[in-house]
């Protein structure tokens, strides 16, 4: 298996939440940024939500729409 898990993370974002998503793939707390990217030249994707919304964040780290899941986990082992 690649990534943190072979399914999306389901997150219930609330209005006003700011979430920093890991984009480097080295976070020990995926899909959230834990600062592990320092020195990689890769920055987290920071999103502030203006309404309550469910999020399906990529768990396999292979999505072409990172940090969101695009279903790629169904084709990776």
C-alpha atoms as a PDB file:
ATOM      1  CA  UNK A   1       0.000   0.000   0.000  1.00  0.00           C
ATOM      2  CA  UNK A   2       1.095   3.522  -0.766  1.00  0.00           C
ATOM      3  CA  UNK A   3       0.373   6.546   1.421  1.00  0.00           C
ATOM      4  CA  UNK A   4      -1.280   6.764   4.792  1.00  0.00           C
ATOM      5  CA  UNK A   5      -4.271   4.525   4.067  1.00  0.00           C
ATOM      6  CA  UNK A   6      -6.046   2.994   1.087  1.00  0.00           C
ATOM      7  CA  UNK A   7      -9.210   5.068   1.421  1.00  0.00           C
ATOM      8  CA  UNK A   8     -10.045   8.746   1.801  1.00  0.00           C
ATOM      9  CA  UNK A   9     -10.076  10.551   5.118  1.00  0.00           C
ATOM     10  CA  UNK A  10     -13.591  11.810   5.823  1.00  0.00           C
ATOM     11  CA  UNK A  11     -13.427  15.177   7.571  1.00  0.00           C
ATOM     12  CA  UNK A  12     -16.403  17.249   8.697  1.00  0.00           C
ATOM     13  CA  UNK A  13     -15.096  20.776   8.148  1.00  0.00           C
ATOM     14  CA  UNK A  14     -17.030  23.486   9.937  1.00  0.00           C
ATOM     15  CA  UNK A  15     -17.542  27.057   8.824  1.00  0.00           C
ATOM     16  CA  UNK A  16     -14.435  29.044   9.746  1.00  0.00           C
ATOM     17  CA  UNK A  17     -12.131  26.001   9.962  1.00  0.00           C
ATOM     18  CA  UNK A  18      -8.676  26.421   8.440  1.00  0.00           C
ATOM     19  CA  UNK A  19      -6.991  23.146   7.538  1.00  0.00           C
ATOM     20  CA  UNK A  20      -3.382  22.716   6.400  1.00  0.00           C
ATOM     21  CA  UNK A  21      -3.199  19.590   4.243  1.00  0.00           C
ATOM     22  CA  UNK A  22       0.093  17.743   3.760  1.00  0.00           C
ATOM     23  CA  UNK A  23       1.297  17.960   0.155  1.00  0.00           C
ATOM     24  CA  UNK A  24       4.781  16.460   0.612  1.00  0.00           C
ATOM     25  CA  UNK A  25       3.609  13.060   1.818  1.00  0.00           C
ATOM     26  CA  UNK A  26       5.926  12.893   4.828  1.00  0.00           C
ATOM     27  CA  UNK A  27       3.536  13.987   7.587  1.00  0.00           C
ATOM     28  CA  UNK A  28       3.131  11.503  10.421  1.00  0.00           C
ATOM     29  CA  UNK A  29      -0.372  12.949  10.905  1.00  0.00           C
ATOM     30  CA  UNK A  30      -1.733  12.687   7.340  1.00  0.00           C
ATOM     31  CA  UNK A  31      -3.679  14.173   5.741  1.00  0.00           C
ATOM     32  CA  UNK A  32      -2.787  17.108   7.983  1.00  0.00           C
ATOM     33  CA  UNK A  33       0.506  18.980   7.764  1.00  0.00           C
ATOM     34  CA  UNK A  34       2.800  18.435  10.743  1.00  0.00           C
ATOM     35  CA  UNK A  35       5.697  20.546   9.462  1.00  0.00           C
ATOM     36  CA  UNK A  36       7.652  17.607   8.044  1.00  0.00           C
ATOM     37  CA  UNK A  37       7.896  19.410   4.696  1.00  0.00           C
ATOM     38  CA  UNK A  38      10.505  21.841   5.985  1.00  0.00           C
ATOM     39  CA  UNK A  39      13.474  21.792   3.630  1.00  0.00           C
ATOM     40  CA  UNK A  40      11.593  20.008   0.809  1.00  0.00           C
ATOM     41  CA  UNK A  41      10.463  23.105  -1.087  1.00  0.00           C
ATOM     42  CA  UNK A  42       6.886  21.816  -0.848  1.00  0.00           C
ATOM     43  CA  UNK A  43       4.260  23.757   1.089  1.00  0.00           C
ATOM     44  CA  UNK A  44       1.012  22.555   2.618  1.00  0.00           C
ATOM     45  CA  UNK A  45      -2.307  23.370   0.953  1.00  0.00           C
ATOM     46  CA  UNK A  46      -4.105  25.656   3.408  1.00  0.00           C
ATOM     47  CA  UNK A  47      -7.875  25.895   2.991  1.00  0.00           C
ATOM     48  CA  UNK A  48     -10.355  27.978   4.992  1.00  0.00           C
ATOM     49  CA  UNK A  49     -13.953  26.798   4.767  1.00  0.00           C
ATOM     50  CA  UNK A  50     -16.812  29.294   4.682  1.00  0.00           C
ATOM     51  CA  UNK A  51     -19.539  26.717   5.331  1.00  0.00           C
ATOM     52  CA  UNK A  52     -19.934  23.335   6.983  1.00  0.00           C
ATOM     53  CA  UNK A  53     -18.904  20.718   4.437  1.00  0.00           C
ATOM     54  CA  UNK A  54     -17.793  17.089   4.344  1.00  0.00           C
ATOM     55  CA  UNK A  55     -14.308  16.592   2.862  1.00  0.00           C
ATOM     56  CA  UNK A  56     -12.844  13.444   1.369  1.00  0.00           C
ATOM     57  CA  UNK A  57      -9.088  13.993   1.653  1.00  0.00           C
ATOM     58  CA  UNK A  58      -6.689  11.705  -0.205  1.00  0.00           C
ATOM     59  CA  UNK A  59      -5.268   8.905   1.935  1.00  0.00           C
ATOM     60  CA  UNK A  60      -3.209   7.058  -0.699  1.00  0.00           C
ATOM     61  CA  UNK A  61      -1.199  10.163  -1.723  1.00  0.00           C
ATOM     62  CA  UNK A  62      -1.726   9.369  -5.409  1.00  0.00           C
ATOM     63  CA  UNK A  63      -4.707  11.617  -6.229  1.00  0.00           C
ATOM     64  CA  UNK A  64      -4.277  13.957  -9.164  1.00  0.00           C
ATOM     65  CA  UNK A  65      -6.538  16.376  -7.255  1.00  0.00           C
ATOM     66  CA  UNK A  66      -4.568  16.495  -3.976  1.00  0.00           C
ATOM     67  CA  UNK A  67      -5.381  17.085  -1.253  1.00  0.00           C
ATOM     68  CA  UNK A  68      -8.832  15.809  -2.254  1.00  0.00           C
ATOM     69  CA  UNK A  69      -9.579  12.200  -3.122  1.00  0.00           C
ATOM     70  CA  UNK A  70     -10.213  11.438  -6.801  1.00  0.00           C
ATOM     71  CA  UNK A  71     -10.723   7.677  -6.388  1.00  0.00           C
ATOM     72  CA  UNK A  72      -7.180   6.697  -7.369  1.00  0.00           C
ATOM     73  CA  UNK A  73      -6.913   4.533  -4.223  1.00  0.00           C
ATOM     74  CA  UNK A  74      -9.185   2.030  -5.949  1.00  0.00           C
ATOM     75  CA  UNK A  75      -6.458   1.292  -8.515  1.00  0.00           C
ATOM     76  CA  UNK A  76      -3.295   1.273  -6.338  1.00  0.00           C
ATOM     77  CA  UNK A  77      -2.112  -1.596  -4.194  1.00  0.00           C
END
